[in-house]
Amino acid sequence: MAPSPTGLLHIGGVRTFLFNYLFARQHGGQNRLRIENTDTGREVAAAVEQIQESLRWIGIEWDGAITFQLERMDDCRRVAEQLVAEGKAYEDEGAIRFRMPNEGVTAWDDAVRGRVEVANETIEDLVLVRSDGRPTYNFASPLEDVWDGITHVIRGEDHISNTPKQIRIIEAIGGAVPVYAHVPSIFGEDGKKLSKRHGATGVEEFRAAGYLAPALMNFLALLGWAPDGETTIMSRDELVERFDLARVSSSPARFDYAKLDWMNGVYLRALSPDEFAQALVDYLREQGYDWDEARVRAAAPLVQEKIATLGEFPGFAGFLFHDVEPVALDGGADVVAAARAALAELEPFEAASIEAALRAVLERLGLKPRQGFAPIRVAITGSKVSPGLFESIELLGRETTLRRLSASGG
């Protein structure tokens, strides 16, 4: 993978590197991370660390040291001058250009797209080294492929136009041309390339929204690839075992945020209660919430079956940790007042006895559960939707519960 350090790592680039990672691990090979920094004028130093952190978090490892293309600038210059000496390149206004053939085609057997042929007359003489001495991407990249012993290059389809140029350069220096696999682009629901207008597009954004790394990896692996058309939930080891370039589609992949939410929910519910509570504690701490850890852990069982992302917890259960705005009730004042009276002296103040007391209130007032519990829920949680009402009241405690019922007219 050769991301450009000019900004945050796009989720599409992560998906492509994931394919490299799965393929390399399956075949006992190595996958390399190479920073494409030949365009130094646009380099963002922080982006280099962000690229690494994004990959580490999602669980994609790379082998060996990270390389930076400009570190091999002198080597590139030396090869360019050798090509000039051999008549395969020439100088042009201080730059060095590669001499492309004018006839015939440059072809390769793409591991995803099959046979690809490009007429040589359509390919311009490529700049190898700029006048300031910096190599271009299309020169440095294939040279590094040769020097690093790269056997397979799995990259986005937007690189197809670069491939014939890079093949010609590799052949000119007597290197072994790798197998190329150009994977499909990722589109949004509207059929256009995935961008900010569709929602989150960076790993950091998905992390901040409360997605689990294994769920996101699983989801990304299925963008353009499927093992059998049926299986969806797979661990990293299963992905490594089953990944097959032959089953990667050449058609654009569609980023379905609803499917990602569903898949993340499956992963959340698969956690043990302790694992889920720990994930919730870690997430809230990472996002800057200073909520009481014991109460977070106590609330965890109430939400594990109900939320699709950890990021939904603050909106769903935040009433347990901060005050709520009093809500004016429409016709529910009587039941709220009766609920307050029933809970004021209740012992023990636990979910089971709270439920019994409130059901008795509803029975006395002749109210059905949906009629009676709704205003109580709104008064206590500030919302019509919340975790289990009786368990929530127990966690809030008597004092807070009574105060909120009073504030709503109870």
Protein backbone atom coordinates (compact mmCIF):
# COMPACT_ATOMS: atom_id res chain seq x y z
CA MET A 1 0.00 0.00 0.00
CA ALA A 2 1.33 3.41 -0.92
CA PRO A 3 -0.90 6.11 0.57
CA SER A 4 -0.11 9.74 -0.03
CA PRO A 5 0.54 11.65 3.23
CA THR A 6 -1.59 14.61 2.22
CA GLY A 7 -4.58 14.02 4.45
CA LEU A 8 -6.54 11.48 6.45
CA LEU A 9 -6.66 7.90 5.20
CA HIS A 10 -9.83 7.21 3.20
CA ILE A 11 -11.78 4.06 4.04
CA GLY A 12 -11.41 2.95 0.42
CA GLY A 13 -7.64 2.86 0.80
CA VAL A 14 -8.03 0.82 3.98
CA ARG A 15 -10.25 -1.70 2.14
CA THR A 16 -7.61 -2.07 -0.58
CA PHE A 17 -4.79 -2.58 1.91
CA LEU A 18 -6.98 -5.11 3.72
CA PHE A 19 -7.15 -7.13 0.49
CA ASN A 20 -3.33 -6.98 0.30
CA TYR A 21 -3.07 -8.05 3.94
CA LEU A 22 -5.46 -10.99 3.60
CA PHE A 23 -3.78 -12.19 0.40
CA ALA A 24 -0.27 -11.91 1.86
CA ARG A 25 -1.20 -13.68 5.10
CA GLN A 26 -2.96 -16.48 3.24
CA HIS A 27 0.07 -17.16 1.05
CA GLY A 28 2.72 -16.75 3.72
CA GLY A 29 4.00 -13.56 2.16
CA GLN A 30 4.62 -10.03 3.35
CA ASN A 31 2.60 -6.88 2.84
CA ARG A 32 4.45 -3.60 2.78
CA LEU A 33 3.47 -0.06 3.72
CA ARG A 34 5.11 2.56 1.54
CA ILE A 35 4.44 6.28 1.93
CA GLU A 36 4.16 7.92 -1.48
CA ASN A 37 5.71 11.29 -0.64
CA THR A 38 7.13 12.33 -3.98
CA ASP A 39 4.80 15.34 -3.96
CA THR A 40 6.47 16.97 -0.95
CA GLY A 41 4.69 20.27 -1.37
CA ARG A 42 1.44 18.71 -0.14
CA GLU A 43 2.79 16.46 2.60
CA VAL A 44 1.10 16.60 5.97
CA ALA A 45 3.39 15.24 8.70
CA ALA A 46 0.53 14.30 11.03
CA ALA A 47 -1.06 12.24 8.27
CA VAL A 48 1.80 9.74 8.32
CA GLU A 49 1.10 8.86 11.95
CA GLN A 50 -2.64 8.91 11.33
CA ILE A 51 -2.25 6.37 8.52
CA GLN A 52 -0.37 4.02 10.83
CA GLU A 53 -2.76 4.48 13.76
CA SER A 54 -5.82 3.87 11.56
CA LEU A 55 -4.35 0.62 10.24
CA ARG A 56 -3.22 -0.54 13.70
CA TRP A 57 -6.65 0.09 15.21
CA ILE A 58 -8.56 -1.82 12.58
CA GLY A 59 -6.11 -4.73 12.88
CA ILE A 60 -4.14 -4.56 9.63
CA GLU A 61 -0.47 -5.28 10.19
CA TRP A 62 2.38 -4.57 7.78
CA ASP A 63 5.74 -6.26 7.50
CA GLY A 64 9.12 -4.60 7.76
CA ALA A 65 9.81 -0.92 8.14
CA ILE A 66 7.67 1.72 6.50
CA THR A 67 9.47 3.16 3.50
CA PHE A 68 9.21 6.67 2.07
CA GLN A 69 9.68 7.01 -1.67
CA LEU A 70 11.86 10.10 -1.43
CA GLU A 71 14.37 8.16 0.68
CA ARG A 72 15.34 6.41 -2.56
CA MET A 73 15.53 9.58 -4.64
CA ASP A 74 19.25 9.16 -5.38
CA ASP A 75 18.71 5.55 -6.46
CA CYS A 76 15.90 6.66 -8.77
CA ARG A 77 18.09 9.37 -10.28
CA ARG A 78 20.86 6.87 -10.92
CA VAL A 79 18.48 4.50 -12.73
CA ALA A 80 17.04 7.37 -14.78
CA GLU A 81 20.52 8.40 -15.92
CA GLN A 82 21.28 4.79 -16.87
CA LEU A 83 18.10 4.70 -18.96
CA VAL A 84 19.22 7.90 -20.71
CA ALA A 85 22.61 6.29 -21.42
CA GLU A 86 20.85 3.27 -22.92
CA GLY A 87 18.62 5.44 -25.11
CA LYS A 88 15.47 4.40 -23.24
CA ALA A 89 14.95 7.88 -21.79
CA TYR A 90 15.92 11.43 -22.67
CA GLU A 91 16.37 14.84 -21.08
CA ASP A 92 13.66 17.44 -21.58
CA GLU A 93 13.98 20.94 -20.06
CA GLY A 94 15.86 19.68 -17.05
CA ALA A 95 13.59 16.70 -16.52
CA ILE A 96 14.11 13.12 -17.68
CA ARG A 97 11.39 11.43 -19.72
CA PHE A 98 10.89 7.76 -20.51
CA ARG A 99 10.67 6.86 -24.18
CA MET A 100 7.41 4.94 -24.67
CA PRO A 101 7.02 2.81 -27.80
CA ASN A 102 4.73 4.32 -30.45
CA GLU A 103 3.34 1.06 -31.82
CA GLY A 104 1.74 -2.07 -30.46
CA VAL A 105 0.12 -2.53 -27.07
CA THR A 106 1.14 -2.93 -23.45
CA ALA A 107 -0.87 -5.74 -21.89
CA TRP A 108 -1.21 -7.66 -18.67
CA ASP A 109 -3.41 -10.36 -17.19
CA ASP A 110 -5.18 -8.60 -14.36
CA ALA A 111 -6.07 -10.92 -11.45
CA VAL A 112 -9.45 -9.19 -11.13
CA ARG A 113 -10.26 -7.87 -14.61
CA GLY A 114 -8.67 -10.41 -16.90
CA ARG A 115 -6.70 -9.40 -19.97
CA VAL A 116 -6.11 -5.65 -20.31
CA GLU A 117 -4.49 -4.11 -23.39
CA VAL A 118 -3.55 -0.46 -23.89
CA ALA A 119 -2.41 0.97 -27.22
CA ASN A 120 1.08 2.40 -26.80
CA GLU A 121 0.29 5.35 -29.06
CA THR A 122 -2.11 6.60 -26.37
CA ILE A 123 0.58 6.74 -23.65
CA GLU A 124 2.69 9.86 -23.36
CA ASP A 125 6.44 9.82 -22.70
CA LEU A 126 6.41 9.69 -18.93
CA VAL A 127 8.41 12.12 -16.77
CA LEU A 128 10.72 9.97 -14.61
CA VAL A 129 12.58 12.68 -12.71
CA ARG A 130 11.43 16.25 -12.36
CA SER A 131 13.74 19.17 -13.02
CA ASP A 132 14.25 19.59 -9.24
CA GLY A 133 15.51 15.99 -8.97
CA ARG A 134 12.41 14.41 -7.43
CA PRO A 135 11.20 11.19 -9.02
CA THR A 136 7.55 10.91 -10.04
CA TYR A 137 5.23 8.35 -8.49
CA ASN A 138 5.05 6.35 -11.70
CA PHE A 139 8.84 5.97 -11.68
CA ALA A 140 9.57 5.51 -7.98
CA SER A 141 6.74 3.04 -7.39
CA PRO A 142 7.67 0.39 -9.99
CA LEU A 143 11.36 0.70 -9.06
CA GLU A 144 10.50 -0.01 -5.44
CA ASP A 145 8.34 -2.93 -6.54
CA VAL A 146 11.44 -4.42 -8.14
CA TRP A 147 13.79 -3.57 -5.26
CA ASP A 148 11.34 -4.91 -2.67
CA GLY A 149 10.64 -8.11 -4.57
CA ILE A 150 6.93 -7.37 -4.87
CA THR A 151 5.07 -10.24 -6.55
CA HIS A 152 1.49 -8.89 -6.44
CA VAL A 153 0.19 -5.33 -6.57
CA ILE A 154 -3.43 -5.08 -5.38
CA ARG A 155 -4.70 -1.53 -5.80
CA GLY A 156 -7.70 0.56 -6.79
CA GLU A 157 -8.99 0.66 -10.33
CA ASP A 158 -8.02 4.33 -10.59
CA HIS A 159 -4.45 3.07 -11.04
CA ILE A 160 -5.22 1.16 -14.26
CA SER A 161 -3.94 4.05 -16.35
CA ASN A 162 -0.61 3.93 -14.47
CA THR A 163 -0.04 0.23 -15.01
CA PRO A 164 1.19 0.19 -18.66
CA LYS A 165 3.70 2.93 -17.84
CA GLN A 166 5.00 1.04 -14.82
CA ILE A 167 5.19 -2.25 -16.73
CA ARG A 168 7.34 -0.61 -19.42
CA ILE A 169 9.69 0.86 -16.81
CA ILE A 170 10.10 -2.50 -15.05
CA GLU A 171 10.81 -4.21 -18.35
CA ALA A 172 13.33 -1.49 -19.28
CA ILE A 173 15.43 -2.19 -16.18
CA GLY A 174 15.13 -5.97 -16.54
CA GLY A 175 12.89 -6.47 -13.50
CA ALA A 176 10.16 -9.04 -12.93
CA VAL A 177 6.71 -7.59 -13.62
CA PRO A 178 4.37 -8.32 -10.70
CA VAL A 179 0.81 -9.61 -10.96
CA TYR A 180 -1.58 -6.67 -10.95
CA ALA A 181 -5.06 -6.78 -9.43
CA HIS A 182 -7.21 -3.67 -9.78
CA VAL A 183 -10.08 -3.78 -7.30
CA PRO A 184 -13.38 -1.90 -7.73
CA SER A 185 -14.11 1.57 -6.47
CA ILE A 186 -16.44 2.10 -3.53
CA PHE A 187 -19.64 4.01 -4.24
CA GLY A 188 -22.28 5.49 -2.00
CA GLU A 189 -25.98 4.66 -2.18
CA ASP A 190 -26.38 7.20 -5.01
CA GLY A 191 -23.94 5.40 -7.29
CA LYS A 192 -21.25 8.07 -6.96
CA LYS A 193 -17.78 7.62 -5.47
CA LEU A 194 -17.86 7.49 -1.69
CA SER A 195 -17.24 10.93 -0.21
CA LYS A 196 -18.09 13.08 2.79
CA ARG A 197 -21.56 13.76 1.44
CA HIS A 198 -22.43 10.10 2.10
CA GLY A 199 -21.25 10.12 5.73
CA ALA A 200 -18.09 9.05 7.51
CA THR A 201 -15.21 8.13 5.17
CA GLY A 202 -12.19 7.94 7.49
CA VAL A 203 -11.25 5.23 9.97
CA GLU A 204 -11.05 7.80 12.77
CA GLU A 205 -14.65 8.84 12.10
CA PHE A 206 -15.93 5.27 12.30
CA ARG A 207 -13.92 4.73 15.47
CA ALA A 208 -15.36 7.89 17.04
CA ALA A 209 -18.87 6.78 16.07
CA GLY A 210 -18.40 3.63 18.14
CA TYR A 211 -17.88 0.89 15.58
CA LEU A 212 -15.83 -2.12 16.65
CA ALA A 213 -12.61 -2.70 14.71
CA PRO A 214 -13.35 -6.39 13.93
CA ALA A 215 -16.82 -5.47 12.63
CA LEU A 216 -15.43 -2.73 10.39
CA MET A 217 -12.74 -5.10 9.06
CA ASN A 218 -15.37 -7.75 8.33
CA PHE A 219 -17.56 -5.20 6.55
CA LEU A 220 -14.72 -3.76 4.45
CA ALA A 221 -13.60 -7.23 3.35
CA LEU A 222 -17.04 -7.73 1.78
CA LEU A 223 -16.82 -4.54 -0.30
CA GLY A 224 -16.11 -6.07 -3.69
CA TRP A 225 -15.43 -9.61 -2.47
CA ALA A 226 -17.58 -12.45 -1.18
CA PRO A 227 -16.56 -16.00 -0.32
CA ASP A 228 -19.80 -17.66 -1.41
CA GLY A 229 -22.57 -15.10 -1.65
CA GLU A 230 -24.02 -16.12 1.71
CA THR A 231 -21.52 -15.89 4.56
CA THR A 232 -21.27 -12.44 6.13
CA ILE A 233 -19.88 -12.71 9.67
CA MET A 234 -16.22 -13.75 9.59
CA SER A 235 -13.31 -13.32 11.98
CA ARG A 236 -9.95 -12.07 10.78
CA ASP A 237 -8.60 -15.63 10.69
CA GLU A 238 -11.58 -16.77 8.62
CA LEU A 239 -11.08 -13.87 6.22
CA VAL A 240 -7.42 -14.81 5.78
CA GLU A 241 -8.35 -18.43 5.16
CA ARG A 242 -11.11 -17.73 2.64
CA PHE A 243 -9.96 -14.63 0.74
CA ASP A 244 -9.62 -15.26 -2.99
CA LEU A 245 -8.68 -12.68 -5.63
CA ALA A 246 -10.63 -14.72 -8.18
CA ARG A 247 -13.83 -13.83 -6.31
CA VAL A 248 -13.16 -10.08 -6.23
CA SER A 249 -15.70 -8.34 -8.45
CA SER A 250 -14.75 -5.79 -11.09
CA SER A 251 -18.02 -3.91 -10.49
CA PRO A 252 -18.15 -0.98 -8.05
CA ALA A 253 -18.83 -1.90 -4.44
CA ARG A 254 -21.66 -0.14 -2.57
CA PHE A 255 -21.00 1.19 0.92
CA ASP A 256 -24.19 0.37 2.81
CA TYR A 257 -24.12 2.21 6.15
CA ALA A 258 -27.27 0.37 7.32
CA LYS A 259 -25.56 -2.97 6.72
CA LEU A 260 -22.52 -1.78 8.66
CA ASP A 261 -24.77 -0.80 11.58
CA TRP A 262 -26.43 -4.22 11.48
CA MET A 263 -23.08 -6.02 11.37
CA ASN A 264 -21.66 -3.94 14.21
CA GLY A 265 -24.73 -4.74 16.29
CA VAL A 266 -24.12 -8.46 15.70
CA TYR A 267 -20.55 -8.04 16.95
CA LEU A 268 -21.67 -6.06 20.01
CA ARG A 269 -24.21 -8.70 20.99
CA ALA A 270 -21.63 -11.45 20.53
CA LEU A 271 -19.45 -9.95 23.27
CA SER A 272 -19.71 -11.35 26.77
CA PRO A 273 -21.33 -8.97 29.28
CA ASP A 274 -17.91 -8.13 30.74
CA GLU A 275 -16.35 -7.58 27.30
CA PHE A 276 -19.20 -5.32 26.25
CA ALA A 277 -19.00 -3.29 29.47
CA GLN A 278 -15.24 -2.87 29.02
CA ALA A 279 -15.66 -1.81 25.39
CA LEU A 280 -18.24 0.77 26.49
CA VAL A 281 -15.99 2.09 29.28
CA ASP A 282 -12.99 2.32 26.93
CA TYR A 283 -15.01 4.05 24.22
CA LEU A 284 -16.52 6.66 26.53
CA ARG A 285 -13.12 7.39 28.06
CA GLU A 286 -11.59 7.75 24.60
CA GLN A 287 -14.33 10.17 23.58
CA GLY A 288 -13.83 12.34 26.64
CA TYR A 289 -16.81 11.35 28.80
CA ASP A 290 -16.05 11.41 32.53
CA TRP A 291 -19.11 9.38 33.53
CA ASP A 292 -18.98 7.14 36.58
CA GLU A 293 -17.46 3.84 35.48
CA ALA A 294 -19.44 1.71 37.93
CA ARG A 295 -22.71 3.12 36.63
CA VAL A 296 -21.60 2.63 33.00
CA ARG A 297 -20.88 -1.02 33.74
CA ALA A 298 -24.21 -1.37 35.53
CA ALA A 299 -26.02 0.17 32.55
CA ALA A 300 -24.22 -1.98 29.98
CA PRO A 301 -26.57 -4.99 30.21
CA LEU A 302 -29.54 -2.69 29.65
CA VAL A 303 -28.31 -1.53 26.25
CA GLN A 304 -26.29 -4.42 24.76
CA GLU A 305 -29.28 -5.79 22.85
CA LYS A 306 -30.57 -2.38 21.82
CA ILE A 307 -27.74 -0.29 20.34
CA ALA A 308 -25.95 -0.80 17.01
CA THR A 309 -22.86 1.26 17.89
CA LEU A 310 -21.16 2.30 21.11
CA GLY A 311 -21.71 5.86 19.96
CA GLU A 312 -25.47 5.46 20.47
CA PHE A 313 -25.02 4.95 24.21
CA PRO A 314 -24.77 8.65 25.24
CA GLY A 315 -28.01 9.53 23.46
CA PHE A 316 -29.80 6.38 24.58
CA ALA A 317 -28.70 6.21 28.20
CA GLY A 318 -27.21 9.63 28.91
CA PHE A 319 -30.12 10.42 31.25
CA LEU A 320 -28.43 8.10 33.75
CA PHE A 321 -25.43 10.47 33.96
CA HIS A 322 -26.82 13.98 33.59
CA ASP A 323 -29.98 15.93 34.29
CA VAL A 324 -32.78 15.97 31.75
CA GLU A 325 -35.03 18.83 30.77
CA PRO A 326 -38.44 18.57 32.49
CA VAL A 327 -41.05 17.53 29.95
CA ALA A 328 -44.60 18.88 30.03
CA LEU A 329 -46.94 15.90 30.09
CA ASP A 330 -50.10 15.70 28.05
CA GLY A 331 -52.63 13.97 30.28
CA GLY A 332 -50.13 11.92 32.25
CA ALA A 333 -49.84 14.03 35.39
CA ASP A 334 -52.02 11.72 37.49
CA VAL A 335 -50.02 8.56 36.81
CA VAL A 336 -46.73 10.42 37.32
CA ALA A 337 -47.93 11.75 40.68
CA ALA A 338 -49.15 8.29 41.71
CA ALA A 339 -45.83 6.76 40.61
CA ARG A 340 -43.93 9.27 42.72
CA ALA A 341 -46.01 8.46 45.78
CA ALA A 342 -45.56 4.72 45.26
CA LEU A 343 -41.79 5.01 44.90
CA ALA A 344 -41.23 7.50 47.71
CA GLU A 345 -41.19 4.90 50.49
CA LEU A 346 -40.58 1.73 48.47
CA GLU A 347 -38.21 -0.83 49.93
CA PRO A 348 -36.12 -2.35 48.60
CA PHE A 349 -35.55 0.14 45.78
CA GLU A 350 -34.78 -2.52 43.19
CA ALA A 351 -36.04 -3.24 39.68
CA ALA A 352 -38.35 -6.11 40.67
CA SER A 353 -40.10 -4.22 43.47
CA ILE A 354 -40.18 -1.02 41.36
CA GLU A 355 -41.93 -2.91 38.57
CA ALA A 356 -44.47 -4.43 41.00
CA ALA A 357 -45.23 -1.05 42.57
CA LEU A 358 -45.71 0.74 39.25
CA ARG A 359 -47.87 -2.04 37.78
CA ALA A 360 -50.04 -1.77 40.87
CA VAL A 361 -50.37 1.98 40.22
CA LEU A 362 -51.49 1.36 36.64
CA GLU A 363 -54.00 -1.29 37.75
CA ARG A 364 -55.45 1.06 40.35
CA LEU A 365 -55.82 3.82 37.77
CA GLY A 366 -57.24 1.46 35.15
CA LEU A 367 -54.41 2.14 32.67
CA LYS A 368 -52.84 -0.23 30.19
CA PRO A 369 -49.02 -0.53 30.36
CA ARG A 370 -48.47 1.46 27.16
CA GLN A 371 -50.68 4.29 28.44
CA GLY A 372 -49.30 4.39 31.93
CA PHE A 373 -45.59 3.73 31.54
CA ALA A 374 -45.08 6.21 28.67
CA PRO A 375 -45.46 9.42 30.75
CA ILE A 376 -43.42 7.91 33.58
CA ARG A 377 -40.63 7.03 31.13
CA VAL A 378 -40.65 10.50 29.58
CA ALA A 379 -40.58 12.20 32.98
CA ILE A 380 -37.63 10.14 34.20
CA THR A 381 -35.54 9.72 31.03
CA GLY A 382 -36.58 12.72 28.96
CA SER A 383 -37.35 10.43 26.03
CA LYS A 384 -40.06 8.09 24.76
CA VAL A 385 -37.36 5.48 24.07
CA SER A 386 -34.94 4.29 26.73
CA PRO A 387 -33.37 1.19 28.26
CA GLY A 388 -35.52 -0.91 30.59
CA LEU A 389 -37.58 1.49 32.71
CA PHE A 390 -37.46 -0.40 36.01
CA GLU A 391 -33.72 -1.12 35.80
CA SER A 392 -33.08 2.50 34.84
CA ILE A 393 -35.02 3.76 37.86
CA GLU A 394 -32.98 1.48 40.12
CA LEU A 395 -29.72 2.84 38.66
CA LEU A 396 -30.87 6.45 39.00
CA GLY A 397 -31.75 5.94 42.63
CA ARG A 398 -34.70 7.14 44.65
CA GLU A 399 -33.68 10.78 45.09
CA THR A 400 -33.08 11.53 41.40
CA THR A 401 -36.16 9.56 40.31
CA LEU A 402 -38.46 11.44 42.70
CA ARG A 403 -36.98 14.80 41.74
CA ARG A 404 -37.61 14.18 38.03
CA LEU A 405 -41.15 12.96 38.63
CA SER A 406 -41.81 16.12 40.67
CA ALA A 407 -40.30 18.35 37.96
CA SER A 408 -42.75 16.90 35.44
CA GLY A 409 -45.75 17.59 37.64
CA GLY A 410 -45.76 14.45 39.70
